[in-house]
Amino acid sequence: NDAICVPKNFDPELKKKLLAILVGLSEEKA
């Protein structure tokens, strides 16, 4: 399916935080 993307060399810590938010969403909330 579609990709959620960030630019090359994006801040590693912020990437971790974004990913945690995305995958942490319940199906109902999402």
ModelCIF file with pLDDT and N, C-alpha, C, O atoms, coordinates in Angstrom:
data_MODEL
#
_entry.id   MODEL 
#
_entity.id                         1 
_entity.type                       polymer 
_entity.pdbx_number_of_molecules   1 
#
_entity_poly.entity_id                      1 
_entity_poly.type                           'polypeptide(L)' 
_entity_poly.nstd_linkage                   no 
_entity_poly.nstd_monomer                   no 
_entity_poly.pdbx_seq_one_letter_code       NDAICVPKNFDPELKKKLLAILVGLSEEKA 
_entity_poly.pdbx_seq_one_letter_code_can   NDAICVPKNFDPELKKKLLAILVGLSEEKA 
_entity_poly.pdbx_strand_id                 A 
#
loop_
_entity_poly_seq.entity_id 
_entity_poly_seq.num 
_entity_poly_seq.mon_id 
_entity_poly_seq.hetero 
1 1  ASN n 
1 2  ASP n 
1 3  ALA n 
1 4  ILE n 
1 5  CYS n 
1 6  VAL n 
1 7  PRO n 
1 8  LYS n 
1 9  ASN n 
1 10 PHE n 
1 11 ASP n 
1 12 PRO n 
1 13 GLU n 
1 14 LEU n 
1 15 LYS n 
1 16 LYS n 
1 17 LYS n 
1 18 LEU n 
1 19 LEU n 
1 20 ALA n 
1 21 ILE n 
1 22 LEU n 
1 23 VAL n 
1 24 GLY n 
1 25 LEU n 
1 26 SER n 
1 27 GLU n 
1 28 GLU n 
1 29 LYS n 
1 30 ALA n 
#
_struct_asym.id          A 
_struct_asym.entity_id   1 
#
loop_
_ma_qa_metric.id 
_ma_qa_metric.mode 
_ma_qa_metric.name 
_ma_qa_metric.software_group_id 
_ma_qa_metric.type 
1 global pLDDT . pLDDT 
2 local  pLDDT . pLDDT 
#
_ma_qa_metric_global.metric_id      1 
_ma_qa_metric_global.metric_value   95.60 
_ma_qa_metric_global.model_id       1 
_ma_qa_metric_global.ordinal_id     1 
#
loop_
_ma_qa_metric_local.label_asym_id 
_ma_qa_metric_local.label_comp_id 
_ma_qa_metric_local.label_seq_id 
_ma_qa_metric_local.metric_id 
_ma_qa_metric_local.metric_value 
_ma_qa_metric_local.model_id 
_ma_qa_metric_local.ordinal_id 
A ASN 1  2 97.00 1 1  
A ASP 2  2 96.00 1 2  
A ALA 3  2 98.00 1 3  
A ILE 4  2 97.00 1 4  
A CYS 5  2 98.00 1 5  
A VAL 6  2 98.00 1 6  
A PRO 7  2 97.00 1 7  
A LYS 8  2 95.00 1 8  
A ASN 9  2 94.00 1 9  
A PHE 10 2 96.00 1 10 
A ASP 11 2 96.00 1 11 
A PRO 12 2 96.00 1 12 
A GLU 13 2 97.00 1 13 
A LEU 14 2 97.00 1 14 
A LYS 15 2 96.00 1 15 
A LYS 16 2 97.00 1 16 
A LYS 17 2 97.00 1 17 
A LEU 18 2 97.00 1 18 
A LEU 19 2 97.00 1 19 
A ALA 20 2 98.00 1 20 
A ILE 21 2 96.00 1 21 
A LEU 22 2 96.00 1 22 
A VAL 23 2 96.00 1 23 
A GLY 24 2 96.00 1 24 
A LEU 25 2 94.00 1 25 
A SER 26 2 93.00 1 26 
A GLU 27 2 91.00 1 27 
A GLU 28 2 90.00 1 28 
A LYS 29 2 91.00 1 29 
A ALA 30 2 91.00 1 30 
#
loop_
_atom_site.group_PDB 
_atom_site.id 
_atom_site.type_symbol 
_atom_site.label_atom_id 
_atom_site.label_alt_id 
_atom_site.label_comp_id 
_atom_site.label_asym_id 
_atom_site.label_entity_id 
_atom_site.label_seq_id 
_atom_site.pdbx_PDB_ins_code 
_atom_site.Cartn_x 
_atom_site.Cartn_y 
_atom_site.Cartn_z 
_atom_site.occupancy 
_atom_site.B_iso_or_equiv 
_atom_site.pdbx_formal_charge 
_atom_site.auth_seq_id 
_atom_site.auth_comp_id 
_atom_site.auth_asym_id 
_atom_site.auth_atom_id 
_atom_site.pdbx_PDB_model_num 
ATOM 1   N N  . ASN A 1 1  ? 0.832   -1.202 0.000  1.00 97.00 ? 1  ASN A N  1 
ATOM 2   C CA . ASN A 1 1  ? 0.000   0.000  0.000  1.00 97.00 ? 1  ASN A CA 1 
ATOM 3   C C  . ASN A 1 1  ? 0.873   1.262  0.000  1.00 97.00 ? 1  ASN A C  1 
ATOM 4   O O  . ASN A 1 1  ? 2.101   1.184  -0.050 1.00 97.00 ? 1  ASN A O  1 
ATOM 5   N N  . ASP A 1 2  ? 0.221   2.412  0.056  1.00 96.00 ? 2  ASP A N  1 
ATOM 6   C CA . ASP A 1 2  ? 0.898   3.694  -0.003 1.00 96.00 ? 2  ASP A CA 1 
ATOM 7   C C  . ASP A 1 2  ? 1.927   3.845  1.120  1.00 96.00 ? 2  ASP A C  1 
ATOM 8   O O  . ASP A 1 2  ? 1.793   3.269  2.200  1.00 96.00 ? 2  ASP A O  1 
ATOM 9   N N  . ALA A 1 3  ? 2.955   4.639  0.822  1.00 98.00 ? 3  ALA A N  1 
ATOM 10  C CA . ALA A 1 3  ? 4.089   4.797  1.728  1.00 98.00 ? 3  ALA A CA 1 
ATOM 11  C C  . ALA A 1 3  ? 4.050   6.145  2.445  1.00 98.00 ? 3  ALA A C  1 
ATOM 12  O O  . ALA A 1 3  ? 3.769   7.176  1.835  1.00 98.00 ? 3  ALA A O  1 
ATOM 13  N N  . ILE A 1 4  ? 4.334   6.125  3.741  1.00 97.00 ? 4  ILE A N  1 
ATOM 14  C CA . ILE A 1 4  ? 4.527   7.355  4.513  1.00 97.00 ? 4  ILE A CA 1 
ATOM 15  C C  . ILE A 1 4  ? 6.028   7.609  4.539  1.00 97.00 ? 4  ILE A C  1 
ATOM 16  O O  . ILE A 1 4  ? 6.794   6.774  5.020  1.00 97.00 ? 4  ILE A O  1 
ATOM 17  N N  . CYS A 1 5  ? 6.452   8.764  4.021  1.00 98.00 ? 5  CYS A N  1 
ATOM 18  C CA . CYS A 1 5  ? 7.863   8.997  3.733  1.00 98.00 ? 5  CYS A CA 1 
ATOM 19  C C  . CYS A 1 5  ? 8.405   10.268 4.375  1.00 98.00 ? 5  CYS A C  1 
ATOM 20  O O  . CYS A 1 5  ? 7.662   11.186 4.725  1.00 98.00 ? 5  CYS A O  1 
ATOM 21  N N  . VAL A 1 6  ? 9.729   10.287 4.517  1.00 98.00 ? 6  VAL A N  1 
ATOM 22  C CA . VAL A 1 6  ? 10.450  11.472 4.992  1.00 98.00 ? 6  VAL A CA 1 
ATOM 23  C C  . VAL A 1 6  ? 11.641  11.696 4.067  1.00 98.00 ? 6  VAL A C  1 
ATOM 24  O O  . VAL A 1 6  ? 12.052  10.775 3.361  1.00 98.00 ? 6  VAL A O  1 
ATOM 25  N N  . PRO A 1 7  ? 12.201  12.906 4.059  1.00 97.00 ? 7  PRO A N  1 
ATOM 26  C CA . PRO A 1 7  ? 13.362  13.172 3.213  1.00 97.00 ? 7  PRO A CA 1 
ATOM 27  C C  . PRO A 1 7  ? 14.598  12.403 3.662  1.00 97.00 ? 7  PRO A C  1 
ATOM 28  O O  . PRO A 1 7  ? 14.675  11.929 4.795  1.00 97.00 ? 7  PRO A O  1 
ATOM 29  N N  . LYS A 1 8  ? 15.552  12.290 2.762  1.00 95.00 ? 8  LYS A N  1 
ATOM 30  C CA . LYS A 1 8  ? 16.837  11.688 3.073  1.00 95.00 ? 8  LYS A CA 1 
ATOM 31  C C  . LYS A 1 8  ? 17.501  12.445 4.229  1.00 95.00 ? 8  LYS A C  1 
ATOM 32  O O  . LYS A 1 8  ? 17.425  13.671 4.302  1.00 95.00 ? 8  LYS A O  1 
ATOM 33  N N  . ASN A 1 9  ? 18.141  11.715 5.112  1.00 94.00 ? 9  ASN A N  1 
ATOM 34  C CA . ASN A 1 9  ? 18.863  12.300 6.251  1.00 94.00 ? 9  ASN A CA 1 
ATOM 35  C C  . ASN A 1 9  ? 17.950  13.032 7.232  1.00 94.00 ? 9  ASN A C  1 
ATOM 36  O O  . ASN A 1 9  ? 18.380  13.964 7.912  1.00 94.00 ? 9  ASN A O  1 
ATOM 37  N N  . PHE A 1 10 ? 16.699  12.611 7.301  1.00 96.00 ? 10 PHE A N  1 
ATOM 38  C CA . PHE A 1 10 ? 15.762  13.177 8.264  1.00 96.00 ? 10 PHE A CA 1 
ATOM 39  C C  . PHE A 1 10 ? 16.227  12.817 9.677  1.00 96.00 ? 10 PHE A C  1 
ATOM 40  O O  . PHE A 1 10 ? 16.845  11.772 9.876  1.00 96.00 ? 10 PHE A O  1 
ATOM 41  N N  . ASP A 1 11 ? 15.941  13.654 10.634 1.00 96.00 ? 11 ASP A N  1 
ATOM 42  C CA . ASP A 1 11 ? 16.385  13.449 12.017 1.00 96.00 ? 11 ASP A CA 1 
ATOM 43  C C  . ASP A 1 11 ? 15.994  12.054 12.528 1.00 96.00 ? 11 ASP A C  1 
ATOM 44  O O  . ASP A 1 11 ? 14.805  11.741 12.577 1.00 96.00 ? 11 ASP A O  1 
ATOM 45  N N  . PRO A 1 12 ? 16.957  11.215 12.907 1.00 96.00 ? 12 PRO A N  1 
ATOM 46  C CA . PRO A 1 12 ? 16.683  9.831  13.322 1.00 96.00 ? 12 PRO A CA 1 
ATOM 47  C C  . PRO A 1 12 ? 15.728  9.723  14.513 1.00 96.00 ? 12 PRO A C  1 
ATOM 48  O O  . PRO A 1 12 ? 14.851  8.859  14.531 1.00 96.00 ? 12 PRO A O  1 
ATOM 49  N N  . GLU A 1 13 ? 15.896  10.583 15.486 1.00 97.00 ? 13 GLU A N  1 
ATOM 50  C CA . GLU A 1 13 ? 15.030  10.519 16.664 1.00 97.00 ? 13 GLU A CA 1 
ATOM 51  C C  . GLU A 1 13 ? 13.596  10.891 16.316 1.00 97.00 ? 13 GLU A C  1 
ATOM 52  O O  . GLU A 1 13 ? 12.645  10.300 16.830 1.00 97.00 ? 13 GLU A O  1 
ATOM 53  N N  . LEU A 1 14 ? 13.453  11.876 15.439 1.00 97.00 ? 14 LEU A N  1 
ATOM 54  C CA . LEU A 1 14 ? 12.115  12.284 15.030 1.00 97.00 ? 14 LEU A CA 1 
ATOM 55  C C  . LEU A 1 14 ? 11.456  11.190 14.193 1.00 97.00 ? 14 LEU A C  1 
ATOM 56  O O  . LEU A 1 14 ? 10.244  10.991 14.268 1.00 97.00 ? 14 LEU A O  1 
ATOM 57  N N  . LYS A 1 15 ? 12.258  10.482 13.395 1.00 96.00 ? 15 LYS A N  1 
ATOM 58  C CA . LYS A 1 15 ? 11.713  9.349  12.626 1.00 96.00 ? 15 LYS A CA 1 
ATOM 59  C C  . LYS A 1 15 ? 11.146  8.292  13.568 1.00 96.00 ? 15 LYS A C  1 
ATOM 60  O O  . LYS A 1 15 ? 10.064  7.756  13.328 1.00 96.00 ? 15 LYS A O  1 
ATOM 61  N N  . LYS A 1 16 ? 11.870  7.998  14.631 1.00 97.00 ? 16 LYS A N  1 
ATOM 62  C CA . LYS A 1 16 ? 11.399  7.001  15.598 1.00 97.00 ? 16 LYS A CA 1 
ATOM 63  C C  . LYS A 1 16 ? 10.086  7.429  16.241 1.00 97.00 ? 16 LYS A C  1 
ATOM 64  O O  . LYS A 1 16 ? 9.174   6.623  16.425 1.00 97.00 ? 16 LYS A O  1 
ATOM 65  N N  . LYS A 1 17 ? 10.008  8.717  16.578 1.00 97.00 ? 17 LYS A N  1 
ATOM 66  C CA . LYS A 1 17 ? 8.795   9.232  17.209 1.00 97.00 ? 17 LYS A CA 1 
ATOM 67  C C  . LYS A 1 17 ? 7.610   9.174  16.250 1.00 97.00 ? 17 LYS A C  1 
ATOM 68  O O  . LYS A 1 17 ? 6.510   8.780  16.636 1.00 97.00 ? 17 LYS A O  1 
ATOM 69  N N  . LEU A 1 18 ? 7.841   9.568  14.997 1.00 97.00 ? 18 LEU A N  1 
ATOM 70  C CA . LEU A 1 18 ? 6.768   9.534  14.000 1.00 97.00 ? 18 LEU A CA 1 
ATOM 71  C C  . LEU A 1 18 ? 6.270   8.108  13.772 1.00 97.00 ? 18 LEU A C  1 
ATOM 72  O O  . LEU A 1 18 ? 5.066   7.858  13.717 1.00 97.00 ? 18 LEU A O  1 
ATOM 73  N N  . LEU A 1 19 ? 7.209   7.187  13.640 1.00 97.00 ? 19 LEU A N  1 
ATOM 74  C CA . LEU A 1 19 ? 6.827   5.796  13.417 1.00 97.00 ? 19 LEU A CA 1 
ATOM 75  C C  . LEU A 1 19 ? 6.035   5.249  14.592 1.00 97.00 ? 19 LEU A C  1 
ATOM 76  O O  . LEU A 1 19 ? 5.051   4.534  14.403 1.00 97.00 ? 19 LEU A O  1 
ATOM 77  N N  . ALA A 1 20 ? 6.461   5.586  15.810 1.00 98.00 ? 20 ALA A N  1 
ATOM 78  C CA . ALA A 1 20 ? 5.756   5.107  16.999 1.00 98.00 ? 20 ALA A CA 1 
ATOM 79  C C  . ALA A 1 20 ? 4.325   5.632  17.031 1.00 98.00 ? 20 ALA A C  1 
ATOM 80  O O  . ALA A 1 20 ? 3.402   4.910  17.408 1.00 98.00 ? 20 ALA A O  1 
ATOM 81  N N  . ILE A 1 21 ? 4.145   6.887  16.635 1.00 96.00 ? 21 ILE A N  1 
ATOM 82  C CA . ILE A 1 21 ? 2.796   7.465  16.596 1.00 96.00 ? 21 ILE A CA 1 
ATOM 83  C C  . ILE A 1 21 ? 1.936   6.751  15.563 1.00 96.00 ? 21 ILE A C  1 
ATOM 84  O O  . ILE A 1 21 ? 0.786   6.405  15.832 1.00 96.00 ? 21 ILE A O  1 
ATOM 85  N N  . LEU A 1 22 ? 2.504   6.534  14.377 1.00 96.00 ? 22 LEU A N  1 
ATOM 86  C CA . LEU A 1 22 ? 1.738   5.918  13.281 1.00 96.00 ? 22 LEU A CA 1 
ATOM 87  C C  . LEU A 1 22 ? 1.307   4.496  13.622 1.00 96.00 ? 22 LEU A C  1 
ATOM 88  O O  . LEU A 1 22 ? 0.127   4.161  13.514 1.00 96.00 ? 22 LEU A O  1 
ATOM 89  N N  . VAL A 1 23 ? 2.249   3.668  14.028 1.00 96.00 ? 23 VAL A N  1 
ATOM 90  C CA . VAL A 1 23 ? 1.911   2.260  14.283 1.00 96.00 ? 23 VAL A CA 1 
ATOM 91  C C  . VAL A 1 23 ? 1.174   2.093  15.608 1.00 96.00 ? 23 VAL A C  1 
ATOM 92  O O  . VAL A 1 23 ? 0.571   1.049  15.854 1.00 96.00 ? 23 VAL A O  1 
ATOM 93  N N  . GLY A 1 24 ? 1.219   3.114  16.460 1.00 96.00 ? 24 GLY A N  1 
ATOM 94  C CA . GLY A 1 24 ? 0.528   3.039  17.734 1.00 96.00 ? 24 GLY A CA 1 
ATOM 95  C C  . GLY A 1 24 ? -0.948  3.379  17.668 1.00 96.00 ? 24 GLY A C  1 
ATOM 96  O O  . GLY A 1 24 ? -1.675  3.197  18.645 1.00 96.00 ? 24 GLY A O  1 
ATOM 97  N N  . LEU A 1 25 ? -1.398  3.877  16.514 1.00 94.00 ? 25 LEU A N  1 
ATOM 98  C CA . LEU A 1 25 ? -2.812  4.202  16.374 1.00 94.00 ? 25 LEU A CA 1 
ATOM 99  C C  . LEU A 1 25 ? -3.663  2.936  16.357 1.00 94.00 ? 25 LEU A C  1 
ATOM 100 O O  . LEU A 1 25 ? -3.333  1.975  15.662 1.00 94.00 ? 25 LEU A O  1 
ATOM 101 N N  . SER A 1 26 ? -4.734  2.931  17.101 1.00 93.00 ? 26 SER A N  1 
ATOM 102 C CA . SER A 1 26 ? -5.670  1.809  17.001 1.00 93.00 ? 26 SER A CA 1 
ATOM 103 C C  . SER A 1 26 ? -6.380  1.897  15.653 1.00 93.00 ? 26 SER A C  1 
ATOM 104 O O  . SER A 1 26 ? -6.428  2.960  15.035 1.00 93.00 ? 26 SER A O  1 
ATOM 105 N N  . GLU A 1 27 ? -6.925  0.782  15.209 1.00 91.00 ? 27 GLU A N  1 
ATOM 106 C CA . GLU A 1 27 ? -7.631  0.795  13.926 1.00 91.00 ? 27 GLU A CA 1 
ATOM 107 C C  . GLU A 1 27 ? -8.824  1.745  13.973 1.00 91.00 ? 27 GLU A C  1 
ATOM 108 O O  . GLU A 1 27 ? -9.136  2.407  12.984 1.00 91.00 ? 27 GLU A O  1 
ATOM 109 N N  . GLU A 1 28 ? -9.487  1.809  15.123 1.00 90.00 ? 28 GLU A N  1 
ATOM 110 C CA . GLU A 1 28 ? -10.648 2.694  15.251 1.00 90.00 ? 28 GLU A CA 1 
ATOM 111 C C  . GLU A 1 28 ? -10.228 4.159  15.166 1.00 90.00 ? 28 GLU A C  1 
ATOM 112 O O  . GLU A 1 28 ? -10.876 4.948  14.479 1.00 90.00 ? 28 GLU A O  1 
ATOM 113 N N  . LYS A 1 29 ? -9.158  4.525  15.852 1.00 91.00 ? 29 LYS A N  1 
ATOM 114 C CA . LYS A 1 29 ? -8.674  5.900  15.824 1.00 91.00 ? 29 LYS A CA 1 
ATOM 115 C C  . LYS A 1 29 ? -8.168  6.268  14.431 1.00 91.00 ? 29 LYS A C  1 
ATOM 116 O O  . LYS A 1 29 ? -8.459  7.348  13.919 1.00 91.00 ? 29 LYS A O  1 
ATOM 117 N N  . ALA A 1 30 ? -7.411  5.361  13.829 1.00 91.00 ? 30 ALA A N  1 
ATOM 118 C CA . ALA A 1 30 ? -6.882  5.627  12.498 1.00 91.00 ? 30 ALA A CA 1 
ATOM 119 C C  . ALA A 1 30 ? -8.007  5.805  11.490 1.00 91.00 ? 30 ALA A C  1 
ATOM 120 O O  . ALA A 1 30 ? -7.747  6.037  10.309 1.00 91.00 ? 30 ALA A O  1 
#
